[in-house]
Amino acid sequence: MPVTVRYFAGARAAAGVDAETREAGTLQELVGQIVDSHGERLEKVLTACSFLVDGTQTRDRSLALPPGAVVDVLPPFAGG
């Protein structure tokens, strides 16, 4: 199922891209794919990240991703 992944702040820097399209059925599968592609630096950043799936925040990596989902990868932000 095609999923759009958008990276923000430190996640974008670690991935080296702003966005990409992947084929994944769950958030865990997606995370595995992006770690395999982008490496250890992104893997470290992901330990502190939260995810928005179609605008809804989740940390449940077993979450099924609907076709066409947009997943935002959000590291913690400083400031207010």
C-alpha atoms as a PDB file:
ATOM      1  CA  MET A   1       0.000   0.000   0.000  1.00  0.00           C
ATOM      2  CA  PRO A   2       1.547   3.335  -0.978  1.00  0.00           C
ATOM      3  CA  VAL A   3       2.301   5.622   1.960  1.00  0.00           C
ATOM      4  CA  THR A   4       3.813   9.108   1.892  1.00  0.00           C
ATOM      5  CA  VAL A   5       6.438   9.770   4.575  1.00  0.00           C
ATOM      6  CA  ARG A   6       7.256  13.382   5.457  1.00  0.00           C
ATOM      7  CA  TYR A   7      10.272  14.169   7.629  1.00  0.00           C
ATOM      8  CA  PHE A   8      10.625  17.235   9.836  1.00  0.00           C
ATOM      9  CA  ALA A   9      13.552  18.960  11.593  1.00  0.00           C
ATOM     10  CA  GLY A  10      16.185  16.472  12.825  1.00  0.00           C
ATOM     11  CA  ALA A  11      14.425  13.553  11.145  1.00  0.00           C
ATOM     12  CA  ARG A  12      14.710  15.351   7.801  1.00  0.00           C
ATOM     13  CA  ALA A  13      18.404  15.989   8.397  1.00  0.00           C
ATOM     14  CA  ALA A  14      19.005  12.341   9.335  1.00  0.00           C
ATOM     15  CA  ALA A  15      17.023  10.969   6.374  1.00  0.00           C
ATOM     16  CA  GLY A  16      18.492  13.408   3.880  1.00  0.00           C
ATOM     17  CA  VAL A  17      15.107  13.905   2.182  1.00  0.00           C
ATOM     18  CA  ASP A  18      11.971  15.941   2.869  1.00  0.00           C
ATOM     19  CA  ALA A  19       9.531  13.226   1.816  1.00  0.00           C
ATOM     20  CA  GLU A  20       9.303   9.884   0.064  1.00  0.00           C
ATOM     21  CA  THR A  21       6.782   7.222  -0.903  1.00  0.00           C
ATOM     22  CA  ARG A  22       6.946   3.702   0.540  1.00  0.00           C
ATOM     23  CA  GLU A  23       4.903   0.499   0.431  1.00  0.00           C
ATOM     24  CA  ALA A  24       4.048  -0.581   3.991  1.00  0.00           C
ATOM     25  CA  GLY A  25       1.107  -2.167   5.775  1.00  0.00           C
ATOM     26  CA  THR A  26       1.964  -1.084   9.333  1.00  0.00           C
ATOM     27  CA  LEU A  27       3.890   1.693  10.980  1.00  0.00           C
ATOM     28  CA  GLN A  28       6.459  -0.874  12.201  1.00  0.00           C
ATOM     29  CA  GLU A  29       7.037  -2.126   8.662  1.00  0.00           C
ATOM     30  CA  LEU A  30       7.453   1.462   7.489  1.00  0.00           C
ATOM     31  CA  VAL A  31       9.936   2.268  10.267  1.00  0.00           C
ATOM     32  CA  GLY A  32      11.956  -0.838   9.378  1.00  0.00           C
ATOM     33  CA  GLN A  33      12.114   0.217   5.740  1.00  0.00           C
ATOM     34  CA  ILE A  34      13.230   3.764   6.410  1.00  0.00           C
ATOM     35  CA  VAL A  35      15.875   2.633   8.919  1.00  0.00           C
ATOM     36  CA  ASP A  36      17.194   0.102   6.388  1.00  0.00           C
ATOM     37  CA  SER A  37      17.369   2.820   3.727  1.00  0.00           C
ATOM     38  CA  HIS A  38      18.656   5.763   5.749  1.00  0.00           C
ATOM     39  CA  GLY A  39      20.775   4.083   8.406  1.00  0.00           C
ATOM     40  CA  GLU A  40      21.809   4.362  12.016  1.00  0.00           C
ATOM     41  CA  ARG A  41      21.596   8.141  12.255  1.00  0.00           C
ATOM     42  CA  LEU A  42      17.876   8.102  11.449  1.00  0.00           C
ATOM     43  CA  GLU A  43      17.339   5.079  13.693  1.00  0.00           C
ATOM     44  CA  LYS A  44      18.704   7.072  16.658  1.00  0.00           C
ATOM     45  CA  VAL A  45      16.469  10.041  15.869  1.00  0.00           C
ATOM     46  CA  LEU A  46      13.405   7.778  15.583  1.00  0.00           C
ATOM     47  CA  THR A  47      13.759   6.642  19.203  1.00  0.00           C
ATOM     48  CA  ALA A  48      12.562  10.105  20.261  1.00  0.00           C
ATOM     49  CA  CYS A  49      10.095  10.725  17.427  1.00  0.00           C
ATOM     50  CA  SER A  50       6.363  10.682  17.412  1.00  0.00           C
ATOM     51  CA  PHE A  51       4.343   9.973  14.298  1.00  0.00           C
ATOM     52  CA  LEU A  52       1.267  11.556  12.804  1.00  0.00           C
ATOM     53  CA  VAL A  53      -0.754   9.229  10.596  1.00  0.00           C
ATOM     54  CA  ASP A  54      -3.202  11.262   8.540  1.00  0.00           C
ATOM     55  CA  GLY A  55      -2.993  13.989  11.182  1.00  0.00           C
ATOM     56  CA  THR A  56      -3.499  11.764  14.231  1.00  0.00           C
ATOM     57  CA  GLN A  57      -0.589  11.295  16.649  1.00  0.00           C
ATOM     58  CA  THR A  58       0.457   7.737  17.449  1.00  0.00           C
ATOM     59  CA  ARG A  59       3.342   5.810  18.958  1.00  0.00           C
ATOM     60  CA  ASP A  60       1.631   2.466  18.249  1.00  0.00           C
ATOM     61  CA  ARG A  61       3.941   0.881  15.718  1.00  0.00           C
ATOM     62  CA  SER A  62       1.519  -2.012  15.136  1.00  0.00           C
ATOM     63  CA  LEU A  63      -0.954   0.477  13.653  1.00  0.00           C
ATOM     64  CA  ALA A  64      -2.236  -0.566  10.210  1.00  0.00           C
ATOM     65  CA  LEU A  65      -1.614   2.113   7.593  1.00  0.00           C
ATOM     66  CA  PRO A  66      -4.493   2.785   5.214  1.00  0.00           C
ATOM     67  CA  PRO A  67      -3.708   3.063   1.491  1.00  0.00           C
ATOM     68  CA  GLY A  68      -2.575   6.581   0.667  1.00  0.00           C
ATOM     69  CA  ALA A  69      -1.773   7.456   4.285  1.00  0.00           C
ATOM     70  CA  VAL A  70       0.495  10.389   5.069  1.00  0.00           C
ATOM     71  CA  VAL A  71       2.937   9.686   7.895  1.00  0.00           C
ATOM     72  CA  ASP A  72       4.733  12.654   9.454  1.00  0.00           C
ATOM     73  CA  VAL A  73       7.916  11.867  11.378  1.00  0.00           C
ATOM     74  CA  LEU A  74       8.229  14.444  14.174  1.00  0.00           C
ATOM     75  CA  PRO A  75      11.234  14.671  16.479  1.00  0.00           C
ATOM     76  CA  PRO A  76      10.806  16.638  19.710  1.00  0.00           C
ATOM     77  CA  PHE A  77      10.791  20.382  19.140  1.00  0.00           C
ATOM     78  CA  ALA A  78      12.360  22.911  21.488  1.00  0.00           C
ATOM     79  CA  GLY A  79      10.739  26.183  22.361  1.00  0.00           C
ATOM     80  CA  GLY A  80       7.112  27.109  22.458  1.00  0.00           C
END
